Protein backbone atom coordinates (compact mmCIF):
# COMPACT_ATOMS: atom_id res chain seq x y z
CA UNK A 1 105.77 104.86 97.48
CA UNK A 2 107.69 102.12 95.69
CA UNK A 3 107.96 98.31 95.66
CA UNK A 4 111.11 96.63 94.38
CA UNK A 5 111.31 92.86 93.91
CA UNK A 6 114.88 92.01 94.88
CA UNK A 7 115.17 88.20 94.80
CA UNK A 8 113.20 85.09 93.92
CA UNK A 9 113.80 81.60 95.27
CA UNK A 10 114.75 79.10 92.58
CA UNK A 11 112.88 76.16 94.13
CA UNK A 12 109.66 77.83 95.30
CA UNK A 13 107.73 81.03 94.62
CA UNK A 14 109.20 82.85 97.63
CA UNK A 15 110.26 86.45 97.05
CA UNK A 16 112.31 89.11 98.84
CA UNK A 17 111.36 92.72 98.23
CA UNK A 18 111.42 96.28 99.53
CA UNK A 19 108.49 98.65 100.07
CA UNK A 20 109.58 102.28 100.40
CA UNK A 21 107.18 104.61 102.23
CA UNK A 22 107.37 108.14 103.62
CA UNK A 23 107.59 106.62 107.12
CA UNK A 24 110.42 104.24 106.27
CA UNK A 25 111.23 101.06 104.40
CA UNK A 26 109.61 97.64 104.82
CA UNK A 27 111.70 94.59 103.95
CA UNK A 28 109.58 91.71 102.69
CA UNK A 29 108.53 89.10 103.55
CA UNK A 30 107.25 90.93 106.62
CA UNK A 31 104.99 90.27 109.59
CA UNK A 32 102.90 93.16 110.93
CA UNK A 33 102.07 93.17 114.65
CA UNK A 34 98.39 93.91 115.19
CA UNK A 35 97.70 97.17 117.02
CA UNK A 36 93.92 97.11 116.65
CA UNK A 37 93.07 100.23 118.67
CA UNK A 38 96.36 102.03 118.08
CA UNK A 39 98.43 99.84 120.40
CA UNK A 40 99.89 96.36 120.23
CA UNK A 41 98.56 94.74 123.40
CA UNK A 42 101.02 94.68 126.32
CA UNK A 43 103.86 96.15 124.23
CA UNK A 44 105.25 99.69 124.21
CA UNK A 45 106.28 101.45 121.00
CA UNK A 46 109.97 101.59 121.95
CA UNK A 47 109.88 97.82 122.54
CA UNK A 48 108.24 97.32 119.15
CA UNK A 49 110.96 99.34 117.51
CA UNK A 50 114.08 98.31 119.41
CA UNK A 51 113.51 94.80 120.78
CA UNK A 52 110.92 93.33 118.42
CA UNK A 53 112.25 95.29 115.43
CA UNK A 54 108.83 95.77 113.85
CA UNK A 55 108.91 97.68 110.59
CA UNK A 56 105.15 98.25 110.24
CA UNK A 57 102.12 97.76 112.48
CA UNK A 58 98.43 97.33 111.76
CA UNK A 59 95.49 99.37 113.05
CA UNK A 60 91.78 98.79 112.52
CA UNK A 61 89.33 101.26 111.00
CA UNK A 62 86.27 99.91 112.81
CA UNK A 63 87.83 100.11 116.27
CA UNK A 64 89.64 103.43 115.76
CA UNK A 65 86.49 104.99 114.32
CA UNK A 66 84.61 104.07 117.53
CA UNK A 67 87.47 104.89 119.92
CA UNK A 68 89.13 107.37 120.14
CA UNK A 69 87.03 108.59 117.20
CA UNK A 70 87.83 110.59 114.09
CA UNK A 71 87.70 114.00 115.76
CA UNK A 72 90.44 113.07 118.21
CA UNK A 73 92.60 111.43 115.54
CA UNK A 74 92.32 114.40 113.18
CA UNK A 75 93.15 116.87 115.97
CA UNK A 76 96.18 114.74 116.84
CA UNK A 77 97.39 114.87 113.23
CA UNK A 78 96.70 111.22 112.48
CA UNK A 79 97.45 107.90 114.13
CA UNK A 80 101.25 108.17 113.78
CA UNK A 81 101.31 111.27 115.98
CA UNK A 82 98.55 110.03 118.29
CA UNK A 83 100.36 106.81 119.24
CA UNK A 84 103.97 108.02 118.70
CA UNK A 85 104.77 105.39 116.08
CA UNK A 86 106.91 106.93 113.35
CA UNK A 87 107.18 103.92 111.08
CA UNK A 88 104.62 102.67 108.52
CA UNK A 89 101.06 101.74 109.49
CA UNK A 90 98.47 99.67 107.60
CA UNK A 91 94.77 99.92 108.41
CA UNK A 92 92.25 97.15 107.83
CA UNK A 93 89.02 98.59 106.44
CA UNK A 94 86.80 97.19 109.19
CA UNK A 95 85.07 94.77 106.83
CA UNK A 96 86.19 91.72 108.81
CA UNK A 97 85.04 93.21 112.12
CA UNK A 98 81.61 94.03 110.69
CA UNK A 99 81.45 90.47 109.30
CA UNK A 100 82.13 89.24 112.84
CA UNK A 101 79.10 91.21 114.10
CA UNK A 102 76.76 88.89 112.20
CA UNK A 103 73.86 89.49 114.58
CA UNK A 104 74.38 93.24 114.75
CA UNK A 105 74.86 94.31 111.13
CA UNK A 106 72.97 94.56 107.86
CA UNK A 107 74.56 94.64 104.43
CA UNK A 108 73.13 96.48 101.43
CA UNK A 109 74.39 97.71 98.09
CA UNK A 110 75.17 101.05 99.72
CA UNK A 111 77.26 99.62 102.55
CA UNK A 112 76.96 98.14 106.03
CA UNK A 113 74.80 99.28 108.95
CA UNK A 114 76.08 97.96 112.26
CA UNK A 115 75.78 98.38 116.01
CA UNK A 116 78.79 99.31 118.11
CA UNK A 117 80.02 96.46 120.31
CA UNK A 118 80.74 99.14 122.94
CA UNK A 119 77.37 100.83 123.48
CA UNK A 120 74.99 99.43 120.85
CA UNK A 121 74.83 102.70 118.90
CA UNK A 122 74.07 102.45 115.16
CA UNK A 123 76.62 103.34 112.50
CA UNK A 124 76.97 103.09 108.74
CA UNK A 125 80.05 102.34 106.62
CA UNK A 126 80.07 102.82 102.86
CA UNK A 127 83.04 102.34 100.53
CA UNK A 128 83.32 106.12 100.32
CA UNK A 129 83.17 106.75 104.07
CA UNK A 130 85.73 104.01 104.74
CA UNK A 131 88.16 105.75 102.37
CA UNK A 132 87.52 109.07 104.13
CA UNK A 133 87.96 107.49 107.58
CA UNK A 134 91.28 105.92 106.59
CA UNK A 135 92.43 109.25 105.17
CA UNK A 136 91.78 110.76 108.63
CA UNK A 137 93.46 107.88 110.47
CA UNK A 138 96.40 108.44 108.17
CA UNK A 139 97.77 104.94 107.57
CA UNK A 140 100.39 104.56 104.86
CA UNK A 141 98.58 101.53 103.40
CA UNK A 142 94.78 101.47 103.46
CA UNK A 143 92.44 98.62 102.59
CA UNK A 144 89.38 98.58 100.35
CA UNK A 145 86.00 97.95 101.98
CA UNK A 146 84.92 94.35 101.42
CA UNK A 147 82.63 91.65 102.71
CA UNK A 148 84.35 88.63 104.24
CA UNK A 149 82.03 85.65 103.67
CA UNK A 150 81.78 83.06 106.44
CA UNK A 151 83.21 79.56 106.17
CA UNK A 152 81.57 77.38 105.16
CA UNK A 153 79.14 79.14 102.85
CA UNK A 154 77.12 78.21 99.79
CA UNK A 155 78.58 78.89 96.35
CA UNK A 156 75.84 81.38 95.51
CA UNK A 157 76.46 83.36 98.69
CA UNK A 158 80.22 83.49 97.99
CA UNK A 159 79.55 84.56 94.39
CA UNK A 160 77.16 87.35 95.36
CA UNK A 161 79.48 88.48 98.13
CA UNK A 162 82.44 88.61 95.75
CA UNK A 163 80.54 90.73 93.22
CA UNK A 164 79.45 93.08 96.01
CA UNK A 165 83.08 93.40 97.11
CA UNK A 166 84.05 94.22 93.50
CA UNK A 167 81.35 96.89 93.17
CA UNK A 168 82.41 98.36 96.49
CA UNK A 169 86.02 98.32 95.26
CA UNK A 170 85.09 100.41 92.23
CA UNK A 171 83.64 103.00 94.58
CA UNK A 172 86.67 102.82 96.88
CA UNK A 173 89.03 103.44 93.96
CA UNK A 174 86.96 106.36 92.70
CA UNK A 175 86.83 107.98 96.15
CA UNK A 176 90.50 107.31 96.86
CA UNK A 177 91.56 108.82 93.53
CA UNK A 178 89.38 111.91 94.02
CA UNK A 179 90.76 112.73 97.50
CA UNK A 180 94.16 113.65 98.89
CA UNK A 181 96.11 112.59 101.99
CA UNK A 182 95.52 114.86 104.98
CA UNK A 183 98.99 114.80 106.51
CA UNK A 184 101.45 115.49 103.68
CA UNK A 185 102.64 111.94 103.11
CA UNK A 186 101.57 109.38 100.54
CA UNK A 187 98.91 106.75 101.11
CA UNK A 188 98.24 103.74 98.87
CA UNK A 189 95.21 101.49 98.45
CA UNK A 190 95.15 97.68 98.48
CA UNK A 191 92.05 95.89 97.09
CA UNK A 192 91.08 92.49 98.53
CA UNK A 193 90.55 89.20 96.68
CA UNK A 194 87.53 87.21 97.92
CA UNK A 195 85.67 84.10 96.72
CA UNK A 196 85.77 81.73 99.70
CA UNK A 197 87.30 78.34 98.77
CA UNK A 198 85.80 78.16 95.26
CA UNK A 199 88.54 78.09 92.63
CA UNK A 200 86.61 79.77 89.83
CA UNK A 201 85.53 82.61 92.12
CA UNK A 202 89.03 83.12 93.46
CA UNK A 203 90.42 83.28 89.92
CA UNK A 204 87.72 85.70 88.84
CA UNK A 205 88.28 87.91 91.87
CA UNK A 206 92.07 87.89 91.51
CA UNK A 207 91.76 88.94 87.87
CA UNK A 208 89.34 91.74 88.76
CA UNK A 209 91.53 93.01 91.61
CA UNK A 210 94.67 92.87 89.43
CA UNK A 211 92.91 94.91 86.73
CA UNK A 212 92.58 97.86 89.15
CA UNK A 213 96.36 98.34 89.05
CA UNK A 214 96.62 99.43 92.67
CA UNK A 215 99.94 99.67 94.49
CA UNK A 216 99.51 96.24 96.13
CA UNK A 217 96.93 93.51 96.55
CA UNK A 218 95.50 91.58 99.48
CA UNK A 219 93.93 88.14 99.85
CA UNK A 220 91.03 88.07 102.32
CA UNK A 221 88.49 85.54 103.49
CA UNK A 222 91.05 82.88 104.39
CA UNK A 223 92.13 81.65 107.84
CA UNK A 224 88.46 81.89 108.87
CA UNK A 225 88.00 78.20 109.69
CA UNK A 226 88.81 76.39 106.46
CA UNK A 227 91.39 73.54 106.42
CA UNK A 228 95.00 74.69 105.95
CA UNK A 229 95.15 72.73 102.70
CA UNK A 230 92.33 74.84 101.26
CA UNK A 231 94.00 78.04 102.42
CA UNK A 232 97.25 77.08 100.70
CA UNK A 233 95.44 75.98 97.52
CA UNK A 234 93.54 79.28 97.27
CA UNK A 235 96.67 81.29 98.04
CA UNK A 236 98.69 79.52 95.36
CA UNK A 237 95.90 79.99 92.84
CA UNK A 238 95.52 83.70 93.55
CA UNK A 239 99.28 84.32 93.49
CA UNK A 240 99.39 82.81 90.00
CA UNK A 241 97.18 85.69 88.84
CA UNK A 242 98.23 88.70 90.95
CA UNK A 243 101.03 90.72 89.32
CA UNK A 244 104.62 89.85 90.19
CA UNK A 245 105.70 93.47 90.57
CA UNK A 246 103.28 94.35 93.38
CA UNK A 247 103.30 93.29 97.05
CA UNK A 248 100.87 90.55 98.11
CA UNK A 249 99.28 90.58 101.56
CA UNK A 250 97.63 87.47 103.04
CA UNK A 251 95.29 88.83 105.70
CA UNK A 252 95.01 87.33 109.19
CA UNK A 253 97.59 84.54 108.79
CA UNK A 254 98.74 82.86 110.99
CA UNK A 255 100.91 80.24 112.69
CA UNK A 256 104.68 80.20 112.03
CA UNK A 257 104.15 77.16 109.79
CA UNK A 258 101.34 78.94 107.89
CA UNK A 259 103.64 81.91 107.31
CA UNK A 260 106.55 79.87 105.96
CA UNK A 261 104.30 77.80 103.69
CA UNK A 262 102.63 80.97 102.39
CA UNK A 263 105.95 82.71 101.77
CA UNK A 264 106.82 79.69 99.61
CA UNK A 265 103.65 80.38 97.59
CA UNK A 266 104.60 83.99 96.88
CA UNK A 267 103.14 86.02 99.79
CA UNK A 268 105.02 89.12 101.00
CA UNK A 269 103.00 90.49 103.95
CA UNK A 270 101.24 88.96 106.96
CA UNK A 271 99.37 90.00 110.09
CA UNK A 272 97.77 88.00 112.88
CA UNK A 273 96.76 88.40 116.54
CA UNK A 274 98.10 84.92 117.29
CA UNK A 275 101.55 85.84 118.68
CA UNK A 276 100.14 88.32 121.20
CA UNK A 277 96.87 86.50 121.97
CA UNK A 278 98.67 83.20 122.56
CA UNK A 279 101.33 84.99 124.60
CA UNK A 280 98.70 86.28 127.02
CA UNK A 281 97.68 82.64 127.60
CA UNK A 282 101.27 81.48 128.17
CA UNK A 283 101.94 79.90 124.76
CA UNK A 284 105.38 80.71 123.36
CA UNK A 285 106.57 80.14 119.79
CA UNK A 286 110.25 79.19 119.53
CA UNK A 287 112.68 77.97 116.89
CA UNK A 288 112.27 74.42 118.22
CA UNK A 289 108.52 74.35 118.77
CA UNK A 290 105.75 75.55 121.07
CA UNK A 291 106.05 75.97 124.84
CA UNK A 292 103.14 76.20 127.27
CA UNK A 293 104.98 78.12 129.97
CA UNK A 294 102.21 77.38 132.50
CA UNK A 295 103.10 73.68 132.54
CA UNK A 296 104.61 72.21 135.73
CA UNK A 297 107.69 71.02 133.82
CA UNK A 298 109.04 74.60 133.64
CA UNK A 299 108.67 75.26 137.39
CA UNK A 300 112.38 74.86 138.16
CA UNK A 301 113.84 75.26 134.65
CA UNK A 302 116.24 78.16 135.09
CA UNK A 303 117.43 78.20 131.49
CA UNK A 304 116.71 81.23 129.34
CA UNK A 305 113.25 81.56 127.78
CA UNK A 306 115.03 80.81 124.49
CA UNK A 307 118.79 80.36 124.52
CA UNK A 308 119.32 81.88 121.08
CA UNK A 309 116.12 83.92 121.08
CA UNK A 310 115.45 87.02 119.03
CA UNK A 311 114.74 89.45 121.90
CA UNK A 312 116.52 90.71 124.98
CA UNK A 313 113.83 89.26 127.28
CA UNK A 314 114.70 85.77 126.00
CA UNK A 315 118.18 86.02 127.47
CA UNK A 316 117.27 88.06 130.57
CA UNK A 317 114.52 85.90 132.08
CA UNK A 318 114.28 82.17 132.78
CA UNK A 319 111.44 79.84 131.97
CA UNK A 320 110.91 79.28 135.69
CA UNK A 321 110.53 83.01 136.35
CA UNK A 322 108.13 83.53 133.45
CA UNK A 323 106.04 80.58 134.65
CA UNK A 324 106.01 82.12 138.14
CA UNK A 325 104.68 85.41 136.71
CA UNK A 326 101.81 83.61 134.98
CA UNK A 327 101.05 81.55 138.10
CA UNK A 328 100.78 84.78 140.10
CA UNK A 329 98.73 86.58 137.45
CA UNK A 330 101.37 89.31 137.08
CA UNK A 331 100.78 91.52 134.05
CA UNK A 332 104.48 91.64 133.21
CA UNK A 333 104.28 87.94 132.34
CA UNK A 334 101.99 88.69 129.40
CA UNK A 335 104.28 91.56 128.40
CA UNK A 336 107.42 89.42 128.37
CA UNK A 337 105.66 86.60 126.49
CA UNK A 338 104.24 89.05 123.92
CA UNK A 339 107.64 90.59 123.27
CA UNK A 340 109.13 87.12 122.88
CA UNK A 341 106.47 85.91 120.41
CA UNK A 342 106.51 89.05 118.28
CA UNK A 343 110.29 89.12 118.16
CA UNK A 344 110.24 85.48 117.11
CA UNK A 345 107.76 86.19 114.29
CA UNK A 346 109.88 89.11 113.07
CA UNK A 347 113.00 86.92 113.28
CA UNK A 348 111.23 84.20 111.29
CA UNK A 349 110.34 86.43 108.32
CA UNK A 350 113.75 88.12 108.41
CA UNK A 351 115.45 84.72 108.35
CA UNK A 352 113.19 83.66 105.47
CA UNK A 353 114.25 86.80 103.60
CA UNK A 354 117.92 86.00 104.22
CA UNK A 355 117.48 82.41 102.99
CA UNK A 356 115.65 83.61 99.85
CA UNK A 357 118.54 85.94 99.05
CA UNK A 358 121.06 83.16 99.73
CA UNK A 359 119.13 80.69 97.55
CA UNK A 360 118.57 78.20 100.39
CA UNK A 361 115.00 79.06 101.42
CA UNK A 362 113.20 75.91 100.30
CA UNK A 363 115.60 73.53 102.06
CA UNK A 364 115.54 75.66 105.25
CA UNK A 365 111.74 75.97 105.16
CA UNK A 366 111.27 72.21 104.86
CA UNK A 367 113.33 71.63 108.02
CA UNK A 368 111.74 74.50 109.96
CA UNK A 369 108.10 73.54 109.45
CA UNK A 370 108.79 70.17 111.08
CA UNK A 371 110.22 71.79 114.20
CA UNK A 372 107.89 74.77 114.52
CA UNK A 373 104.72 72.74 115.08
CA UNK A 374 106.16 70.49 117.81
CA UNK A 375 105.00 70.82 121.42
CA UNK A 376 107.92 71.01 123.81
């Protein structure tokens, strides 16, 4: 696997790069649709590939471990074969999901004991087992096991949590380096920077993560409730430390505006449930702002969903028809909206990449962030 930094913007810290994997290339900056349980909600794989033009999707270790389970995934030959997705996959370690189960989990030096949200059964994740599980799932990029501290939290809690994440990382690296991929293609490990919104902790964590010399690096524990200004400040700080020649992944972010602002700070990779989750509630992201397709104003608007949209569904269906589908509770409404939003997100990062290579990113970004947040 290889990362090549191709271009840098002269007026910001935005970068364009290329990640080469055994399942295909990833052009950065990139957005990764979230396929938590092996599927992106309401979207088929051929639509992801051909209409949305996704280059990589995300799966989740916690959810895939519970269902369909490791035995099924190993028998299938890994997640790529199980879900018929032949392009790259990244798996989150499950740390964020276990953090979300605050009333059903217990952390220790050894790892995390938690109860399944499905049937209440008890399970245990350690840094070693999470590496083994992700080997079985077979993602191209796997994440280190970490604790995601809540926001807000006390300094001491964030400090202790960060050190625990670092000790777990050491164990992840050791286990990863002492095992081999199961399916005859390369896997790489990304560690995760933590430290909440405390500058000294973020710097310390970024330096520790960078010292591990892994293929790429991730920034976790942001977009968990803190103000956007804090998220940007922590991202900029961490990017000043993480190595230039490795991809940087900002986990769980975010709105189109968040993505453009973070690209300007030096981020290469993003994921978020927002485009699909909002789509299922009738919220559409467009080049000119946000549409609530359920609103009465679209009832007899027979113009295309987006005149110059990024997907075929934008041109094929009208706003009035899509609103009608939502009003009737038809499942295809959520499908069309999800395809639209994901295609828009993929268009946005591709356009950012083009502008970086042309040398016009910063000017374009400044104009776009004004339009993207407007309600239409």
